[in-house]
Each structure stands twice: as structure tokens, then as C-alpha cells.
C-alpha atoms as a PDB file:
ATOM      1  CA  MET A   1     -79.371  23.566  -1.467  1.00  0.00           C
ATOM      2  CA  THR A   2     -80.269  25.033  -4.635  1.00  0.00           C
ATOM      3  CA  SER A   3     -82.564  23.613  -7.479  1.00  0.00           C
ATOM      4  CA  LYS A   4     -79.534  23.147  -9.706  1.00  0.00           C
ATOM      5  CA  GLN A   5     -77.566  21.616  -7.279  1.00  0.00           C
ATOM      6  CA  GLY A   6     -80.245  18.857  -6.119  1.00  0.00           C
ATOM      7  CA  ILE A   7     -81.182  18.268  -9.680  1.00  0.00           C
ATOM      8  CA  LYS A   8     -77.169  17.577 -10.479  1.00  0.00           C
ATOM      9  CA  ASP A   9     -76.842  15.553  -7.521  1.00  0.00           C
ATOM     10  CA  ALA A  10     -79.977  13.247  -8.536  1.00  0.00           C
ATOM     11  CA  PHE A  11     -78.477  13.092 -12.032  1.00  0.00           C
ATOM     12  CA  ILE A  12     -75.039  11.511 -10.701  1.00  0.00           C
ATOM     13  CA  THR A  13     -76.927   9.351  -8.610  1.00  0.00           C
ATOM     14  CA  GLN A  14     -78.770   8.292 -11.633  1.00  0.00           C
ATOM     15  CA  LEU A  15     -75.325   7.975 -13.383  1.00  0.00           C
ATOM     16  CA  SER A  16     -73.632   5.840 -10.429  1.00  0.00           C
ATOM     17  CA  ASN A  17     -76.543   3.430 -10.997  1.00  0.00           C
ATOM     18  CA  THR A  18     -75.635   2.555 -14.612  1.00  0.00           C
ATOM     19  CA  PRO A  19     -73.907  -0.409 -16.343  1.00  0.00           C
ATOM     20  CA  GLU A  20     -71.449   2.442 -17.866  1.00  0.00           C
ATOM     21  CA  HIS A  21     -70.448   3.460 -14.454  1.00  0.00           C
ATOM     22  CA  THR A  22     -68.518   0.464 -14.102  1.00  0.00           C
ATOM     23  CA  ILE A  23     -66.797   1.015 -16.934  1.00  0.00           C
ATOM     24  CA  ILE A  24     -65.462   4.213 -15.654  1.00  0.00           C
ATOM     25  CA  ALA A  25     -64.575   2.280 -12.553  1.00  0.00           C
ATOM     26  CA  ALA A  26     -62.415   0.065 -14.571  1.00  0.00           C
ATOM     27  CA  ILE A  27     -61.072   2.956 -16.788  1.00  0.00           C
ATOM     28  CA  LYS A  28     -59.761   4.763 -13.208  1.00  0.00           C
ATOM     29  CA  THR A  29     -58.144   1.917 -12.222  1.00  0.00           C
ATOM     30  CA  GLN A  30     -56.707   1.541 -15.597  1.00  0.00           C
ATOM     31  CA  ILE A  31     -54.957   5.097 -15.642  1.00  0.00           C
ATOM     32  CA  THR A  32     -54.084   4.631 -11.654  1.00  0.00           C
ATOM     33  CA  ALA A  33     -51.931   1.665 -12.527  1.00  0.00           C
ATOM     34  CA  ASN A  34     -50.412   3.135 -15.833  1.00  0.00           C
ATOM     35  CA  LEU A  35     -49.471   6.068 -13.433  1.00  0.00           C
ATOM     36  CA  ALA A  36     -47.159   3.512 -11.641  1.00  0.00           C
ATOM     37  CA  LEU A  37     -45.201   2.597 -14.804  1.00  0.00           C
ATOM     38  CA  PRO A  38     -42.131   4.652 -15.281  1.00  0.00           C
ATOM     39  CA  GLU A  39     -42.856   5.741 -18.839  1.00  0.00           C
ATOM     40  CA  ILE A  40     -45.235   8.963 -19.194  1.00  0.00           C
ATOM     41  CA  GLN A  41     -48.119   8.200 -21.540  1.00  0.00           C
ATOM     42  CA  ASN A  42     -50.063  11.163 -23.279  1.00  0.00           C
ATOM     43  CA  GLU A  43     -52.615   8.681 -23.754  1.00  0.00           C
ATOM     44  CA  ILE A  44     -54.804   6.032 -22.465  1.00  0.00           C
ATOM     45  CA  ILE A  45     -56.688   4.128 -24.764  1.00  0.00           C
ATOM     46  CA  TYR A  46     -59.364   1.824 -23.324  1.00  0.00           C
ATOM     47  CA  THR A  47     -60.789  -1.206 -24.904  1.00  0.00           C
ATOM     48  CA  PHE A  48     -64.511  -2.280 -24.473  1.00  0.00           C
ATOM     49  CA  ASP A  49     -65.338  -5.996 -23.884  1.00  0.00           C
ATOM     50  CA  THR A  50     -68.507  -5.541 -26.013  1.00  0.00           C
ATOM     51  CA  PRO A  51     -68.945  -2.762 -28.776  1.00  0.00           C
ATOM     52  CA  LYS A  52     -71.334  -0.122 -27.333  1.00  0.00           C
ATOM     53  CA  THR A  53     -74.039   1.535 -28.986  1.00  0.00           C
ATOM     54  CA  LYS A  54     -74.260   5.619 -29.369  1.00  0.00           C
ATOM     55  CA  GLU A  55     -76.490   5.915 -26.506  1.00  0.00           C
ATOM     56  CA  GLU A  56     -74.147   3.659 -24.568  1.00  0.00           C
ATOM     57  CA  GLN A  57     -71.150   6.354 -25.789  1.00  0.00           C
ATOM     58  CA  GLU A  58     -73.023   9.318 -24.399  1.00  0.00           C
ATOM     59  CA  ILE A  59     -73.534   8.072 -21.026  1.00  0.00           C
ATOM     60  CA  ILE A  60     -69.857   6.755 -20.892  1.00  0.00           C
ATOM     61  CA  ASN A  61     -69.380  10.428 -21.495  1.00  0.00           C
ATOM     62  CA  LEU A  62     -71.783  11.851 -18.745  1.00  0.00           C
ATOM     63  CA  CYS A  63     -70.085   9.182 -16.368  1.00  0.00           C
ATOM     64  CA  MET A  64     -66.753  10.648 -17.150  1.00  0.00           C
ATOM     65  CA  LEU A  65     -67.850  14.305 -17.085  1.00  0.00           C
ATOM     66  CA  ALA A  66     -69.320  13.764 -13.132  1.00  0.00           C
ATOM     67  CA  GLU A  67     -66.282  11.276 -12.497  1.00  0.00           C
ATOM     68  CA  PHE A  68     -63.685  13.421 -13.679  1.00  0.00           C
ATOM     69  CA  GLY A  69     -64.446  16.894 -14.761  1.00  0.00           C
ATOM     70  CA  PHE A  70     -64.296  16.050 -19.029  1.00  0.00           C
ATOM     71  CA  ASP A  71     -65.850  13.752 -21.422  1.00  0.00           C
ATOM     72  CA  THR A  72     -63.940  12.848 -24.869  1.00  0.00           C
ATOM     73  CA  ASN A  73     -64.771  12.910 -28.410  1.00  0.00           C
ATOM     74  CA  ASN A  74     -62.167   9.750 -29.039  1.00  0.00           C
ATOM     75  CA  ILE A  75     -65.058   7.183 -28.124  1.00  0.00           C
ATOM     76  CA  GLY A  76     -66.575   4.708 -30.776  1.00  0.00           C
ATOM     77  CA  GLU A  77     -67.817   1.495 -30.917  1.00  0.00           C
ATOM     78  CA  ASN A  78     -64.616  -0.363 -29.439  1.00  0.00           C
ATOM     79  CA  SER A  79     -62.579   1.912 -27.457  1.00  0.00           C
ATOM     80  CA  LEU A  80     -61.858   5.194 -25.896  1.00  0.00           C
ATOM     81  CA  THR A  81     -58.929   7.273 -26.120  1.00  0.00           C
ATOM     82  CA  ILE A  82     -58.291   9.742 -22.685  1.00  0.00           C
ATOM     83  CA  THR A  83     -55.605  12.413 -22.905  1.00  0.00           C
ATOM     84  CA  MET A  84     -53.667  12.821 -19.667  1.00  0.00           C
ATOM     85  CA  LYS A  85     -53.104  16.598 -20.147  1.00  0.00           C
ATOM     86  CA  GLN A  86     -56.806  16.972 -19.645  1.00  0.00           C
ATOM     87  CA  PHE A  87     -56.256  16.128 -15.708  1.00  0.00           C
ATOM     88  CA  LEU A  88     -53.629  18.816 -15.821  1.00  0.00           C
END
């Protein structure tokens, strides 16, 4: 294992132990549920249970990058928007 890969794996492990990672799991569930609907949605909006600080938003973006391979600029205190074309 290279040094870079070892650091990447350790960082992803650290991210997976954050409360923000739980949000990513909920977002993944919402996306999957929306994909079961017959209508195509270009964007998925996920509303947070409680407002998120800038630091929490940054951690959510890092968790998205680790889980989905991309992050979003469409994130605020109360929600985030995922553009579905990012999965293509």
C-alpha cells in the first residue's frame, strides 16, 4: 500500500465515524427511493433535521466525495441539492 492510499483509507475511516456520514447514508436512501418513482428528477433536495454550521457543511461535502465521488456547491444551513447528472 502506498503512503497516499494509506492516508486516504485512514481519512475515509475517520469520515465514516462522523455524524455527517449518517446524513450521507440518509441522502443515499432518499436518492434510491426517488429512483423508484416513475418520474425523472434532475435534482434531489435533502433537508437537514437541524441547521448545519459551515464546518459541518464541509464535512458533509467530504463525506459526499468519499461516498459518491463528487461534492456539491448547493449546500446551506438547512438543505443541500444534488444534481443527478453528477452520477452519470
